[in-house]
C-alpha atoms as a PDB file:
ATOM      1  CA  UNK A   1      -9.092 -18.511   0.713  1.00  0.00           C
ATOM      2  CA  UNK A   2      -7.530 -18.169   4.177  1.00  0.00           C
ATOM      3  CA  UNK A   3      -5.044 -15.298   4.298  1.00  0.00           C
ATOM      4  CA  UNK A   4      -2.042 -15.150   6.622  1.00  0.00           C
ATOM      5  CA  UNK A   5      -2.592 -12.476   9.262  1.00  0.00           C
ATOM      6  CA  UNK A   6      -0.310 -10.638  11.673  1.00  0.00           C
ATOM      7  CA  UNK A   7      -1.678  -8.677  14.605  1.00  0.00           C
ATOM      8  CA  UNK A   8       0.151  -6.253  16.908  1.00  0.00           C
ATOM      9  CA  UNK A   9      -2.304  -5.346  19.687  1.00  0.00           C
ATOM     10  CA  UNK A  10      -2.018  -2.431  22.090  1.00  0.00           C
ATOM     11  CA  UNK A  11      -4.356  -0.848  24.586  1.00  0.00           C
ATOM     12  CA  UNK A  12      -5.233   2.662  23.657  1.00  0.00           C
ATOM     13  CA  UNK A  13      -6.134   4.892  20.774  1.00  0.00           C
ATOM     14  CA  UNK A  14      -7.405   2.660  17.974  1.00  0.00           C
ATOM     15  CA  UNK A  15      -6.352   0.452  15.067  1.00  0.00           C
ATOM     16  CA  UNK A  16      -4.372   0.720  11.836  1.00  0.00           C
ATOM     17  CA  UNK A  17      -5.035  -1.851   9.103  1.00  0.00           C
ATOM     18  CA  UNK A  18      -1.931  -2.180   6.888  1.00  0.00           C
ATOM     19  CA  UNK A  19      -1.874  -3.316   3.242  1.00  0.00           C
ATOM     20  CA  UNK A  20       1.623  -4.228   2.062  1.00  0.00           C
ATOM     21  CA  UNK A  21       3.152  -3.544  -1.345  1.00  0.00           C
ATOM     22  CA  UNK A  22       3.742  -5.761  -4.354  1.00  0.00           C
ATOM     23  CA  UNK A  23       6.099  -8.672  -3.850  1.00  0.00           C
ATOM     24  CA  UNK A  24       6.469  -8.172  -0.103  1.00  0.00           C
ATOM     25  CA  UNK A  25       4.502  -9.363   2.930  1.00  0.00           C
ATOM     26  CA  UNK A  26       3.065  -8.209   6.238  1.00  0.00           C
ATOM     27  CA  UNK A  27       6.123  -9.279   8.234  1.00  0.00           C
ATOM     28  CA  UNK A  28       8.106  -6.401   6.751  1.00  0.00           C
ATOM     29  CA  UNK A  29       5.979  -3.985   8.833  1.00  0.00           C
ATOM     30  CA  UNK A  30       6.987  -5.471  12.192  1.00  0.00           C
ATOM     31  CA  UNK A  31       9.187  -2.562  13.302  1.00  0.00           C
ATOM     32  CA  UNK A  32       6.695   0.094  12.217  1.00  0.00           C
ATOM     33  CA  UNK A  33       3.803  -1.771  13.870  1.00  0.00           C
ATOM     34  CA  UNK A  34       5.769  -2.065  17.119  1.00  0.00           C
ATOM     35  CA  UNK A  35       6.415   1.664  16.976  1.00  0.00           C
ATOM     36  CA  UNK A  36       2.663   2.242  16.544  1.00  0.00           C
ATOM     37  CA  UNK A  37       2.126   0.026  19.592  1.00  0.00           C
ATOM     38  CA  UNK A  38       4.449   2.254  21.606  1.00  0.00           C
ATOM     39  CA  UNK A  39       2.138   5.167  20.761  1.00  0.00           C
ATOM     40  CA  UNK A  40      -0.962   3.239  21.822  1.00  0.00           C
ATOM     41  CA  UNK A  41      -2.091   2.049  18.378  1.00  0.00           C
ATOM     42  CA  UNK A  42      -2.911  -1.549  17.502  1.00  0.00           C
ATOM     43  CA  UNK A  43      -2.074  -2.788  14.005  1.00  0.00           C
ATOM     44  CA  UNK A  44      -3.074  -5.670  11.773  1.00  0.00           C
ATOM     45  CA  UNK A  45      -1.871  -6.736   8.335  1.00  0.00           C
ATOM     46  CA  UNK A  46      -2.549  -9.702   6.084  1.00  0.00           C
ATOM     47  CA  UNK A  47      -0.444 -11.226   3.320  1.00  0.00           C
ATOM     48  CA  UNK A  48      -2.296 -10.542   0.080  1.00  0.00           C
ATOM     49  CA  UNK A  49      -3.166 -13.582  -2.028  1.00  0.00           C
ATOM     50  CA  UNK A  50      -0.132 -14.871  -3.900  1.00  0.00           C
ATOM     51  CA  UNK A  51       2.174 -13.163  -1.389  1.00  0.00           C
ATOM     52  CA  UNK A  52       4.062 -14.160   1.728  1.00  0.00           C
ATOM     53  CA  UNK A  53       2.438 -17.033   3.563  1.00  0.00           C
ATOM     54  CA  UNK A  54      -0.986 -16.684   1.927  1.00  0.00           C
ATOM     55  CA  UNK A  55      -2.138 -19.131  -0.753  1.00  0.00           C
ATOM     56  CA  UNK A  56      -2.575 -18.316  -4.433  1.00  0.00           C
ATOM     57  CA  UNK A  57      -0.419 -18.266  -7.546  1.00  0.00           C
ATOM     58  CA  UNK A  58       2.635 -16.130  -6.881  1.00  0.00           C
ATOM     59  CA  UNK A  59       2.365 -12.617  -8.295  1.00  0.00           C
ATOM     60  CA  UNK A  60      -0.904 -13.291 -10.103  1.00  0.00           C
ATOM     61  CA  UNK A  61      -4.537 -12.183  -9.870  1.00  0.00           C
ATOM     62  CA  UNK A  62      -7.554 -12.894 -12.052  1.00  0.00           C
ATOM     63  CA  UNK A  63      -8.904  -9.397 -11.493  1.00  0.00           C
ATOM     64  CA  UNK A  64      -7.919  -6.424  -9.333  1.00  0.00           C
ATOM     65  CA  UNK A  65     -11.104  -7.007  -7.337  1.00  0.00           C
ATOM     66  CA  UNK A  66      -9.361 -10.057  -5.834  1.00  0.00           C
ATOM     67  CA  UNK A  67      -7.172  -7.671  -3.842  1.00  0.00           C
ATOM     68  CA  UNK A  68     -10.216  -5.685  -2.727  1.00  0.00           C
ATOM     69  CA  UNK A  69     -11.668  -8.903  -1.314  1.00  0.00           C
ATOM     70  CA  UNK A  70      -8.472  -9.420   0.671  1.00  0.00           C
ATOM     71  CA  UNK A  71      -8.733  -5.920   2.136  1.00  0.00           C
ATOM     72  CA  UNK A  72     -12.412  -6.526   2.907  1.00  0.00           C
ATOM     73  CA  UNK A  73     -11.379  -9.522   5.032  1.00  0.00           C
ATOM     74  CA  UNK A  74      -8.697  -7.480   6.808  1.00  0.00           C
ATOM     75  CA  UNK A  75     -11.187  -4.646   7.295  1.00  0.00           C
ATOM     76  CA  UNK A  76     -13.773  -6.982   8.824  1.00  0.00           C
ATOM     77  CA  UNK A  77     -11.224  -8.383  11.271  1.00  0.00           C
ATOM     78  CA  UNK A  78      -9.861  -4.976  12.300  1.00  0.00           C
ATOM     79  CA  UNK A  79     -13.333  -3.433  12.661  1.00  0.00           C
ATOM     80  CA  UNK A  80     -14.370  -6.267  14.974  1.00  0.00           C
ATOM     81  CA  UNK A  81     -11.249  -5.847  17.095  1.00  0.00           C
ATOM     82  CA  UNK A  82     -11.532  -2.049  17.170  1.00  0.00           C
ATOM     83  CA  UNK A  83     -14.991  -2.228  18.789  1.00  0.00           C
ATOM     84  CA  UNK A  84     -15.869   1.324  17.826  1.00  0.00           C
ATOM     85  CA  UNK A  85     -12.386   2.790  18.313  1.00  0.00           C
ATOM     86  CA  UNK A  86     -10.913   4.827  15.430  1.00  0.00           C
ATOM     87  CA  UNK A  87      -9.826   2.596  12.532  1.00  0.00           C
ATOM     88  CA  UNK A  88      -7.437   3.782   9.823  1.00  0.00           C
ATOM     89  CA  UNK A  89      -6.405   2.135   6.556  1.00  0.00           C
ATOM     90  CA  UNK A  90      -2.748   2.385   5.495  1.00  0.00           C
ATOM     91  CA  UNK A  91      -1.367   1.060   2.207  1.00  0.00           C
ATOM     92  CA  UNK A  92       2.132   1.124   0.758  1.00  0.00           C
ATOM     93  CA  UNK A  93       2.931   1.135  -2.987  1.00  0.00           C
ATOM     94  CA  UNK A  94       0.616  -1.446  -4.596  1.00  0.00           C
ATOM     95  CA  UNK A  95      -1.045  -1.610  -1.186  1.00  0.00           C
ATOM     96  CA  UNK A  96      -1.637   2.132  -1.474  1.00  0.00           C
ATOM     97  CA  UNK A  97      -3.355   1.643  -4.825  1.00  0.00           C
ATOM     98  CA  UNK A  98      -5.437  -1.189  -3.369  1.00  0.00           C
ATOM     99  CA  UNK A  99      -6.353   0.815  -0.259  1.00  0.00           C
ATOM    100  CA  UNK A 100      -7.337   3.797  -2.405  1.00  0.00           C
ATOM    101  CA  UNK A 101      -9.548   1.705  -4.686  1.00  0.00           C
ATOM    102  CA  UNK A 102     -11.114   0.039  -1.648  1.00  0.00           C
ATOM    103  CA  UNK A 103     -11.920   3.428  -0.124  1.00  0.00           C
ATOM    104  CA  UNK A 104     -13.329   4.640  -3.450  1.00  0.00           C
ATOM    105  CA  UNK A 105     -15.537   1.611  -4.084  1.00  0.00           C
ATOM    106  CA  UNK A 106     -16.557   0.414  -0.611  1.00  0.00           C
ATOM    107  CA  UNK A 107     -18.303   2.369   2.116  1.00  0.00           C
ATOM    108  CA  UNK A 108     -15.966   1.549   4.972  1.00  0.00           C
ATOM    109  CA  UNK A 109     -16.062   2.813   8.530  1.00  0.00           C
ATOM    110  CA  UNK A 110     -12.543   4.270   8.435  1.00  0.00           C
ATOM    111  CA  UNK A 111     -11.441   7.404  10.244  1.00  0.00           C
ATOM    112  CA  UNK A 112      -8.872   8.145   7.543  1.00  0.00           C
ATOM    113  CA  UNK A 113      -6.681   6.839   4.726  1.00  0.00           C
ATOM    114  CA  UNK A 114      -2.859   6.850   4.703  1.00  0.00           C
ATOM    115  CA  UNK A 115      -1.020   6.180   1.430  1.00  0.00           C
ATOM    116  CA  UNK A 116       2.718   5.515   1.442  1.00  0.00           C
ATOM    117  CA  UNK A 117       4.237   5.953  -2.054  1.00  0.00           C
ATOM    118  CA  UNK A 118       0.962   4.839  -3.726  1.00  0.00           C
ATOM    119  CA  UNK A 119       1.602   3.012  -6.997  1.00  0.00           C
ATOM    120  CA  UNK A 120      -0.526   5.278  -9.169  1.00  0.00           C
ATOM    121  CA  UNK A 121       1.983   5.494 -11.999  1.00  0.00           C
ATOM    122  CA  UNK A 122       5.485   4.163 -12.621  1.00  0.00           C
ATOM    123  CA  UNK A 123       8.244   6.419 -11.449  1.00  0.00           C
ATOM    124  CA  UNK A 124      10.273   5.540 -14.523  1.00  0.00           C
ATOM    125  CA  UNK A 125       9.106   5.477 -18.175  1.00  0.00           C
ATOM    126  CA  UNK A 126       7.402   2.227 -19.115  1.00  0.00           C
ATOM    127  CA  UNK A 127       8.666   0.662 -22.362  1.00  0.00           C
ATOM    128  CA  UNK A 128       5.938   1.049 -24.971  1.00  0.00           C
ATOM    129  CA  UNK A 129       6.124  -2.616 -25.950  1.00  0.00           C
ATOM    130  CA  UNK A 130       5.219  -3.643 -22.405  1.00  0.00           C
ATOM    131  CA  UNK A 131       2.213  -1.308 -22.294  1.00  0.00           C
ATOM    132  CA  UNK A 132       1.003  -2.572 -25.700  1.00  0.00           C
ATOM    133  CA  UNK A 133       1.771  -6.243 -25.130  1.00  0.00           C
ATOM    134  CA  UNK A 134       0.419  -6.620 -21.595  1.00  0.00           C
ATOM    135  CA  UNK A 135      -3.329  -6.464 -22.464  1.00  0.00           C
ATOM    136  CA  UNK A 136      -2.893  -9.005 -25.263  1.00  0.00           C
ATOM    137  CA  UNK A 137      -0.862 -11.392 -23.125  1.00  0.00           C
ATOM    138  CA  UNK A 138      -3.360 -10.945 -20.295  1.00  0.00           C
ATOM    139  CA  UNK A 139      -6.040 -12.392 -22.559  1.00  0.00           C
ATOM    140  CA  UNK A 140      -4.138 -15.191 -24.290  1.00  0.00           C
ATOM    141  CA  UNK A 141      -1.531 -16.142 -21.654  1.00  0.00           C
ATOM    142  CA  UNK A 142      -2.516 -14.471 -18.369  1.00  0.00           C
ATOM    143  CA  UNK A 143      -0.010 -16.383 -16.211  1.00  0.00           C
ATOM    144  CA  UNK A 144       3.004 -15.495 -18.372  1.00  0.00           C
ATOM    145  CA  UNK A 145       5.474 -13.965 -15.911  1.00  0.00           C
ATOM    146  CA  UNK A 146       8.461 -11.662 -16.205  1.00  0.00           C
ATOM    147  CA  UNK A 147      10.919 -10.277 -13.625  1.00  0.00           C
ATOM    148  CA  UNK A 148       9.551  -7.289 -11.731  1.00  0.00           C
ATOM    149  CA  UNK A 149      12.937  -5.591 -11.564  1.00  0.00           C
ATOM    150  CA  UNK A 150      12.374  -4.584  -7.937  1.00  0.00           C
ATOM    151  CA  UNK A 151      15.507  -4.506  -5.761  1.00  0.00           C
ATOM    152  CA  UNK A 152      16.217  -3.327  -2.277  1.00  0.00           C
ATOM    153  CA  UNK A 153      18.350  -0.429  -3.497  1.00  0.00           C
ATOM    154  CA  UNK A 154      15.298   1.083  -5.221  1.00  0.00           C
ATOM    155  CA  UNK A 155      13.454   1.280  -1.918  1.00  0.00           C
ATOM    156  CA  UNK A 156      15.929   2.604   0.600  1.00  0.00           C
ATOM    157  CA  UNK A 157      19.381   4.088   1.115  1.00  0.00           C
ATOM    158  CA  UNK A 158      19.712   1.943   4.255  1.00  0.00           C
ATOM    159  CA  UNK A 159      22.102  -0.868   3.171  1.00  0.00           C
ATOM    160  CA  UNK A 160      20.881  -3.262   5.853  1.00  0.00           C
ATOM    161  CA  UNK A 161      17.219  -2.762   4.944  1.00  0.00           C
ATOM    162  CA  UNK A 162      17.997  -3.102   1.228  1.00  0.00           C
ATOM    163  CA  UNK A 163      19.961  -6.320   1.788  1.00  0.00           C
ATOM    164  CA  UNK A 164      17.180  -7.735   3.991  1.00  0.00           C
ATOM    165  CA  UNK A 165      14.685  -7.122   1.169  1.00  0.00           C
ATOM    166  CA  UNK A 166      16.892  -8.836  -1.423  1.00  0.00           C
ATOM    167  CA  UNK A 167      17.529 -11.951   0.660  1.00  0.00           C
ATOM    168  CA  UNK A 168      13.986 -12.319   2.055  1.00  0.00           C
ATOM    169  CA  UNK A 169      12.704 -15.690   0.747  1.00  0.00           C
ATOM    170  CA  UNK A 170       9.092 -14.465   0.963  1.00  0.00           C
ATOM    171  CA  UNK A 171       9.684 -11.480  -1.335  1.00  0.00           C
ATOM    172  CA  UNK A 172       8.492 -12.072  -4.912  1.00  0.00           C
ATOM    173  CA  UNK A 173      10.602 -11.098  -7.899  1.00  0.00           C
ATOM    174  CA  UNK A 174       8.187 -11.792 -10.787  1.00  0.00           C
ATOM    175  CA  UNK A 175       4.722 -10.667 -11.950  1.00  0.00           C
ATOM    176  CA  UNK A 176       2.277 -12.053 -14.508  1.00  0.00           C
ATOM    177  CA  UNK A 177       0.788 -10.416 -17.586  1.00  0.00           C
ATOM    178  CA  UNK A 178      -2.706 -10.424 -16.062  1.00  0.00           C
ATOM    179  CA  UNK A 179      -1.399  -8.800 -12.884  1.00  0.00           C
ATOM    180  CA  UNK A 180       0.284  -6.051 -14.906  1.00  0.00           C
ATOM    181  CA  UNK A 181      -2.772  -5.356 -17.076  1.00  0.00           C
ATOM    182  CA  UNK A 182      -5.119  -5.269 -14.073  1.00  0.00           C
ATOM    183  CA  UNK A 183      -2.851  -2.892 -12.159  1.00  0.00           C
ATOM    184  CA  UNK A 184      -2.603  -0.505 -15.119  1.00  0.00           C
ATOM    185  CA  UNK A 185      -6.396  -0.428 -15.309  1.00  0.00           C
ATOM    186  CA  UNK A 186      -6.711   0.129 -11.549  1.00  0.00           C
ATOM    187  CA  UNK A 187      -4.249   3.023 -11.724  1.00  0.00           C
ATOM    188  CA  UNK A 188      -6.393   4.789 -14.328  1.00  0.00           C
ATOM    189  CA  UNK A 189      -9.550   4.178 -12.309  1.00  0.00           C
ATOM    190  CA  UNK A 190      -7.950   5.363  -9.058  1.00  0.00           C
ATOM    191  CA  UNK A 191      -6.905   8.724 -10.515  1.00  0.00           C
ATOM    192  CA  UNK A 192     -10.208   9.177 -12.337  1.00  0.00           C
ATOM    193  CA  UNK A 193     -12.132   8.378  -9.156  1.00  0.00           C
ATOM    194  CA  UNK A 194     -10.172  10.751  -6.918  1.00  0.00           C
ATOM    195  CA  UNK A 195     -13.022  13.314  -6.674  1.00  0.00           C
ATOM    196  CA  UNK A 196     -15.216  10.625  -5.069  1.00  0.00           C
ATOM    197  CA  UNK A 197     -12.827  10.175  -2.150  1.00  0.00           C
ATOM    198  CA  UNK A 198     -14.160  11.742   1.026  1.00  0.00           C
ATOM    199  CA  UNK A 199     -11.995  10.298   3.806  1.00  0.00           C
ATOM    200  CA  UNK A 200      -9.316  12.383   5.533  1.00  0.00           C
ATOM    201  CA  UNK A 201      -6.208  11.656   3.467  1.00  0.00           C
ATOM    202  CA  UNK A 202      -2.488  11.554   4.259  1.00  0.00           C
ATOM    203  CA  UNK A 203      -0.015  10.847   1.434  1.00  0.00           C
ATOM    204  CA  UNK A 204       3.673  10.153   2.083  1.00  0.00           C
ATOM    205  CA  UNK A 205       6.169  10.104  -0.792  1.00  0.00           C
ATOM    206  CA  UNK A 206       9.885  10.134  -1.481  1.00  0.00           C
ATOM    207  CA  UNK A 207      10.909  12.851  -3.924  1.00  0.00           C
ATOM    208  CA  UNK A 208      13.506  10.520  -5.496  1.00  0.00           C
ATOM    209  CA  UNK A 209      11.158   7.502  -5.708  1.00  0.00           C
ATOM    210  CA  UNK A 210      12.119   5.477  -8.828  1.00  0.00           C
ATOM    211  CA  UNK A 211       9.179   3.059  -8.515  1.00  0.00           C
ATOM    212  CA  UNK A 212       6.036   5.145  -7.902  1.00  0.00           C
ATOM    213  CA  UNK A 213       5.619   8.601  -9.420  1.00  0.00           C
ATOM    214  CA  UNK A 214       5.552  11.526  -6.952  1.00  0.00           C
ATOM    215  CA  UNK A 215       3.875  13.601  -9.684  1.00  0.00           C
ATOM    216  CA  UNK A 216       0.953  11.159  -9.783  1.00  0.00           C
ATOM    217  CA  UNK A 217       0.591  11.454  -6.000  1.00  0.00           C
ATOM    218  CA  UNK A 218       0.407  15.224  -6.350  1.00  0.00           C
ATOM    219  CA  UNK A 219      -2.290  14.889  -9.015  1.00  0.00           C
ATOM    220  CA  UNK A 220      -4.245  12.585  -6.729  1.00  0.00           C
ATOM    221  CA  UNK A 221      -4.079  15.049  -3.867  1.00  0.00           C
ATOM    222  CA  UNK A 222      -5.081  17.967  -6.096  1.00  0.00           C
ATOM    223  CA  UNK A 223      -8.195  16.207  -7.391  1.00  0.00           C
ATOM    224  CA  UNK A 224      -9.170  14.219  -4.270  1.00  0.00           C
ATOM    225  CA  UNK A 225     -12.619  15.084  -2.971  1.00  0.00           C
ATOM    226  CA  UNK A 226     -11.401  14.903   0.634  1.00  0.00           C
ATOM    227  CA  UNK A 227     -11.706  18.238   2.393  1.00  0.00           C
ATOM    228  CA  UNK A 228      -8.952  17.156   4.798  1.00  0.00           C
ATOM    229  CA  UNK A 229      -5.861  16.140   2.790  1.00  0.00           C
ATOM    230  CA  UNK A 230      -2.140  16.337   3.477  1.00  0.00           C
ATOM    231  CA  UNK A 231       0.941  15.509   1.392  1.00  0.00           C
ATOM    232  CA  UNK A 232       4.433  14.996   2.830  1.00  0.00           C
ATOM    233  CA  UNK A 233       7.219  14.733   0.249  1.00  0.00           C
ATOM    234  CA  UNK A 234      10.632  13.764   1.623  1.00  0.00           C
ATOM    235  CA  UNK A 235      13.611  15.106  -0.289  1.00  0.00           C
ATOM    236  CA  UNK A 236      16.075  12.416  -1.370  1.00  0.00           C
ATOM    237  CA  UNK A 237      13.916   9.537  -0.094  1.00  0.00           C
ATOM    238  CA  UNK A 238      13.392   6.514  -2.335  1.00  0.00           C
ATOM    239  CA  UNK A 239      10.342   4.257  -2.548  1.00  0.00           C
ATOM    240  CA  UNK A 240      10.064   2.743   0.928  1.00  0.00           C
ATOM    241  CA  UNK A 241       9.615   5.868   3.003  1.00  0.00           C
ATOM    242  CA  UNK A 242       8.735   3.755   6.060  1.00  0.00           C
ATOM    243  CA  UNK A 243      12.105   1.956   5.769  1.00  0.00           C
ATOM    244  CA  UNK A 244      14.369   4.774   4.575  1.00  0.00           C
ATOM    245  CA  UNK A 245      17.291   6.340   6.376  1.00  0.00           C
ATOM    246  CA  UNK A 246      15.552   8.988   8.428  1.00  0.00           C
ATOM    247  CA  UNK A 247      12.320   6.992   8.548  1.00  0.00           C
ATOM    248  CA  UNK A 248      11.746   8.302  12.074  1.00  0.00           C
ATOM    249  CA  UNK A 249      10.577  11.579  10.501  1.00  0.00           C
ATOM    250  CA  UNK A 250       7.974   9.699   8.506  1.00  0.00           C
ATOM    251  CA  UNK A 251       6.839   7.638  11.469  1.00  0.00           C
ATOM    252  CA  UNK A 252       6.431  10.782  13.562  1.00  0.00           C
ATOM    253  CA  UNK A 253       4.419  12.437  10.777  1.00  0.00           C
ATOM    254  CA  UNK A 254       2.118   9.407  10.704  1.00  0.00           C
ATOM    255  CA  UNK A 255       1.809   9.418  14.490  1.00  0.00           C
ATOM    256  CA  UNK A 256       0.982  13.107  14.626  1.00  0.00           C
ATOM    257  CA  UNK A 257      -1.640  12.753  11.893  1.00  0.00           C
ATOM    258  CA  UNK A 258      -3.245   9.769  13.631  1.00  0.00           C
ATOM    259  CA  UNK A 259      -3.304  11.694  16.901  1.00  0.00           C
ATOM    260  CA  UNK A 260      -4.959  14.676  15.221  1.00  0.00           C
ATOM    261  CA  UNK A 261      -7.643  12.481  13.651  1.00  0.00           C
ATOM    262  CA  UNK A 262      -8.355   9.857  16.277  1.00  0.00           C
ATOM    263  CA  UNK A 263     -11.245  11.788  17.758  1.00  0.00           C
ATOM    264  CA  UNK A 264     -13.110  12.130  14.455  1.00  0.00           C
ATOM    265  CA  UNK A 265     -16.139  10.159  13.447  1.00  0.00           C
ATOM    266  CA  UNK A 266     -15.574   7.609  10.663  1.00  0.00           C
END
């Protein structure tokens, strides 16, 4: 499988490999990547399988390990380009869950891990019938799909950014039963495996996030094995902290953390 790739090169400090969230694509990180460039950081992001301009059934995976293979390909590309410079892994929402599981299960040469609103647990209560039905449907009808319910207004208070999300033809609005069951399993494994995490860790979360639970992010940070770990919670922010009104605060926090860690060994 050949994944769509976007690269924003810069001469300077190192590289940031970006893993996008569910239903979106790498192109939505253009402004943030350009800002990283202005601070001397290069960035690269791929469209996960079934997303954006990459091939694959839309919103579907056979197993969560499929996503880890996608990150492995992105990692290999970025590591080659970095040529020994610091290399960081950043994931948003589902991408945060994927990045976390990749860091927990693969020995990667990263200088640190940045999680933006990691999708460790739903921010709103999940109907019991969905939790019970998903594993059964995953076995007997894995490609059965339902609306995801994601809308721009859940991610940001910025009306222009929210409208851009809703009208983006590359943004997915449905997910399959197998996808849902595999993500639920990965969430449990990610929280259970937190003590095994050793990388320097930065977690960014909106306090009012209706999609990903801030409480789950706090539990992750409390149990993470990383000796160097930082949590920034932004009051009033929704799910897309990198695209919220006042996102400049978040970007600056990321930049300062990268600067503080760019001299460390991976």
